[in-house]
Amino acid sequence: MYKTEWALKSELGYTAKIICYHFRKHPRFAPYLLTENESYEIEMVWNSKLINTPEIFLKCLFHKNTVIIKEN
């Protein structure tokens, strides 16, 4: 179980910081952040392994995301 932080930069001028909980597979990003026919720069900022607790397991199972959007 892992917690990763991603920086997503859009051509339209916004930057999003996404914190994802997942099981070592590719994390799922919130669909409202990504639109068709637009390119993004996605960069992993950090990755940390988590201790197995029931709360963390449920966050990873449901791919809990925290999204912070900043307009440039």
N, C-alpha and C. Protein backbone atom coordinates (compact mmCIF):
# COMPACT_ATOMS: atom_id res chain seq x y z
N MET A 1 0.85 -1.17 0.00
CA MET A 1 0.00 0.00 0.00
C MET A 1 0.90 1.24 0.00
N TYR A 2 0.52 2.18 -0.85
CA TYR A 2 1.37 3.33 -1.08
C TYR A 2 0.55 4.62 -1.12
N LYS A 3 1.23 5.70 -0.79
CA LYS A 3 0.67 7.04 -0.90
C LYS A 3 1.63 7.82 -1.79
N THR A 4 1.11 8.36 -2.89
CA THR A 4 1.96 9.11 -3.80
C THR A 4 1.37 10.50 -4.04
N GLU A 5 2.24 11.44 -4.31
CA GLU A 5 1.81 12.79 -4.65
C GLU A 5 2.24 13.08 -6.07
N TRP A 6 1.32 13.62 -6.85
CA TRP A 6 1.55 13.92 -8.26
C TRP A 6 1.31 15.39 -8.52
N ALA A 7 2.07 15.96 -9.43
CA ALA A 7 1.84 17.33 -9.90
C ALA A 7 1.36 17.23 -11.33
N LEU A 8 0.19 17.80 -11.60
CA LEU A 8 -0.41 17.76 -12.93
C LEU A 8 -0.51 19.19 -13.45
N LYS A 9 0.12 19.46 -14.59
CA LYS A 9 0.09 20.80 -15.18
C LYS A 9 -0.64 20.74 -16.50
N SER A 10 -1.56 21.67 -16.70
CA SER A 10 -2.39 21.70 -17.88
C SER A 10 -1.99 22.82 -18.82
N GLU A 11 -2.32 22.64 -20.11
CA GLU A 11 -2.11 23.71 -21.08
C GLU A 11 -3.01 24.91 -20.81
N LEU A 12 -4.15 24.67 -20.18
CA LEU A 12 -5.13 25.74 -19.93
C LEU A 12 -4.74 26.66 -18.78
N GLY A 13 -3.68 26.34 -18.09
CA GLY A 13 -3.18 27.24 -17.06
C GLY A 13 -3.53 26.90 -15.64
N TYR A 14 -3.82 25.64 -15.35
CA TYR A 14 -4.01 25.29 -13.94
C TYR A 14 -3.04 24.19 -13.55
N THR A 15 -2.74 24.14 -12.28
CA THR A 15 -1.86 23.12 -11.72
C THR A 15 -2.64 22.40 -10.62
N ALA A 16 -2.56 21.09 -10.61
CA ALA A 16 -3.24 20.31 -9.58
C ALA A 16 -2.21 19.48 -8.83
N LYS A 17 -2.40 19.40 -7.53
CA LYS A 17 -1.60 18.51 -6.69
C LYS A 17 -2.54 17.38 -6.29
N ILE A 18 -2.18 16.16 -6.62
CA ILE A 18 -3.04 15.00 -6.38
C ILE A 18 -2.33 14.05 -5.44
N ILE A 19 -2.99 13.70 -4.34
CA ILE A 19 -2.45 12.71 -3.41
C ILE A 19 -3.30 11.45 -3.55
N CYS A 20 -2.67 10.33 -3.90
CA CYS A 20 -3.37 9.08 -4.17
C CYS A 20 -2.95 7.98 -3.20
N TYR A 21 -3.91 7.18 -2.78
CA TYR A 21 -3.66 5.96 -2.02
C TYR A 21 -3.92 4.80 -2.96
N HIS A 22 -2.99 3.84 -3.07
CA HIS A 22 -3.17 2.74 -4.01
C HIS A 22 -2.28 1.56 -3.63
N PHE A 23 -2.57 0.41 -4.29
CA PHE A 23 -1.79 -0.81 -4.13
C PHE A 23 -0.78 -0.92 -5.26
N ARG A 24 0.30 -0.34 -5.23
CA ARG A 24 1.44 -0.45 -6.15
C ARG A 24 1.07 -0.57 -7.64
N LYS A 25 -0.20 -0.42 -7.97
CA LYS A 25 -0.61 -0.37 -9.37
C LYS A 25 -0.65 1.10 -9.74
N HIS A 26 -1.02 1.38 -10.96
CA HIS A 26 -1.12 2.77 -11.37
C HIS A 26 -2.29 3.44 -10.64
N PRO A 27 -2.06 4.59 -10.04
CA PRO A 27 -3.17 5.28 -9.36
C PRO A 27 -4.19 5.80 -10.37
N ARG A 28 -5.41 5.98 -9.90
CA ARG A 28 -6.47 6.52 -10.74
C ARG A 28 -6.63 8.00 -10.42
N PHE A 29 -6.59 8.81 -11.47
CA PHE A 29 -6.77 10.25 -11.28
C PHE A 29 -8.25 10.60 -11.41
N ALA A 30 -8.66 11.65 -10.74
CA ALA A 30 -10.05 12.10 -10.79
C ALA A 30 -10.41 12.47 -12.23
N PRO A 31 -11.51 11.92 -12.78
CA PRO A 31 -11.82 12.14 -14.19
C PRO A 31 -12.14 13.59 -14.54
N TYR A 32 -12.59 14.39 -13.58
CA TYR A 32 -12.92 15.78 -13.90
C TYR A 32 -11.67 16.64 -14.11
N LEU A 33 -10.49 16.12 -13.79
CA LEU A 33 -9.26 16.87 -14.03
C LEU A 33 -8.77 16.75 -15.46
N LEU A 34 -9.11 15.66 -16.13
CA LEU A 34 -8.59 15.39 -17.46
C LEU A 34 -9.69 15.56 -18.50
N THR A 35 -9.37 16.28 -19.58
CA THR A 35 -10.32 16.45 -20.67
C THR A 35 -9.71 15.96 -21.97
N GLU A 36 -10.57 15.68 -22.94
CA GLU A 36 -10.09 15.20 -24.24
C GLU A 36 -9.35 16.29 -24.98
N ASN A 37 -8.45 15.86 -25.85
CA ASN A 37 -7.71 16.75 -26.75
C ASN A 37 -6.91 17.83 -26.02
N GLU A 38 -6.42 17.50 -24.85
CA GLU A 38 -5.57 18.42 -24.11
C GLU A 38 -4.37 17.64 -23.59
N SER A 39 -3.20 18.24 -23.64
CA SER A 39 -2.02 17.54 -23.14
C SER A 39 -1.69 18.02 -21.73
N TYR A 40 -1.14 17.12 -20.94
CA TYR A 40 -0.81 17.37 -19.55
C TYR A 40 0.63 16.96 -19.28
N GLU A 41 1.21 17.60 -18.30
CA GLU A 41 2.51 17.18 -17.79
C GLU A 41 2.25 16.62 -16.40
N ILE A 42 2.51 15.33 -16.23
CA ILE A 42 2.24 14.66 -14.96
C ILE A 42 3.57 14.19 -14.39
N GLU A 43 3.85 14.60 -13.16
CA GLU A 43 5.14 14.27 -12.53
C GLU A 43 4.90 13.73 -11.12
N MET A 44 5.57 12.63 -10.77
CA MET A 44 5.47 12.11 -9.41
C MET A 44 6.40 12.93 -8.53
N VAL A 45 5.84 13.49 -7.45
CA VAL A 45 6.63 14.31 -6.53
C VAL A 45 7.26 13.43 -5.46
N TRP A 46 6.47 12.55 -4.85
CA TRP A 46 7.02 11.60 -3.88
C TRP A 46 6.13 10.38 -3.78
N ASN A 47 6.72 9.32 -3.22
CA ASN A 47 6.06 8.03 -3.06
C ASN A 47 6.47 7.46 -1.71
N SER A 48 5.52 7.03 -0.91
CA SER A 48 5.88 6.44 0.38
C SER A 48 5.06 5.18 0.64
N LYS A 49 5.70 4.20 1.24
CA LYS A 49 5.04 2.95 1.60
C LYS A 49 4.33 3.14 2.94
N LEU A 50 3.11 2.61 3.04
CA LEU A 50 2.29 2.80 4.24
C LEU A 50 2.23 1.54 5.08
N ILE A 51 1.98 1.73 6.35
CA ILE A 51 1.78 0.62 7.29
C ILE A 51 0.37 0.09 7.10
N ASN A 52 0.22 -1.22 7.13
CA ASN A 52 -1.07 -1.85 6.89
C ASN A 52 -2.00 -1.68 8.09
N THR A 53 -2.99 -0.80 7.95
CA THR A 53 -4.06 -0.64 8.95
C THR A 53 -5.39 -0.73 8.20
N PRO A 54 -6.48 -1.04 8.90
CA PRO A 54 -7.78 -1.12 8.20
C PRO A 54 -8.17 0.18 7.49
N GLU A 55 -7.88 1.32 8.11
CA GLU A 55 -8.22 2.60 7.49
C GLU A 55 -7.44 2.82 6.20
N ILE A 56 -6.15 2.55 6.22
CA ILE A 56 -5.30 2.70 5.04
C ILE A 56 -5.71 1.70 3.97
N PHE A 57 -6.04 0.46 4.37
CA PHE A 57 -6.47 -0.55 3.40
C PHE A 57 -7.70 -0.08 2.64
N LEU A 58 -8.69 0.49 3.33
CA LEU A 58 -9.90 0.97 2.67
C LEU A 58 -9.61 2.15 1.74
N LYS A 59 -8.72 3.05 2.15
CA LYS A 59 -8.35 4.16 1.27
C LYS A 59 -7.71 3.64 -0.01
N CYS A 60 -6.84 2.65 0.11
CA CYS A 60 -6.18 2.08 -1.06
C CYS A 60 -7.17 1.28 -1.92
N LEU A 61 -8.07 0.54 -1.28
CA LEU A 61 -9.04 -0.27 -2.00
C LEU A 61 -9.92 0.59 -2.89
N PHE A 62 -10.34 1.74 -2.38
CA PHE A 62 -11.22 2.63 -3.15
C PHE A 62 -10.46 3.75 -3.86
N HIS A 63 -9.14 3.65 -3.92
CA HIS A 63 -8.29 4.63 -4.61
C HIS A 63 -8.63 6.05 -4.18
N LYS A 64 -8.61 6.29 -2.88
CA LYS A 64 -8.92 7.63 -2.35
C LYS A 64 -7.95 8.65 -2.92
N ASN A 65 -8.49 9.76 -3.44
CA ASN A 65 -7.69 10.85 -3.99
C ASN A 65 -8.00 12.14 -3.25
N THR A 66 -6.99 12.92 -3.02
CA THR A 66 -7.15 14.30 -2.53
C THR A 66 -6.60 15.19 -3.62
N VAL A 67 -7.41 16.16 -4.06
CA VAL A 67 -7.02 17.00 -5.18
C VAL A 67 -7.03 18.45 -4.73
N ILE A 68 -5.94 19.16 -5.00
CA ILE A 68 -5.83 20.58 -4.72
C ILE A 68 -5.51 21.27 -6.05
N ILE A 69 -6.41 22.16 -6.50
CA ILE A 69 -6.24 22.82 -7.80
C ILE A 69 -5.90 24.28 -7.57
N LYS A 70 -4.86 24.74 -8.27
CA LYS A 70 -4.46 26.15 -8.21
C LYS A 70 -4.53 26.74 -9.61
N GLU A 71 -5.16 27.88 -9.75
CA GLU A 71 -5.18 28.59 -11.03
C GLU A 71 -3.90 29.40 -11.16
N ASN A 72 -3.31 29.43 -12.33
CA ASN A 72 -2.09 30.20 -12.55
C ASN A 72 -2.42 31.58 -13.04
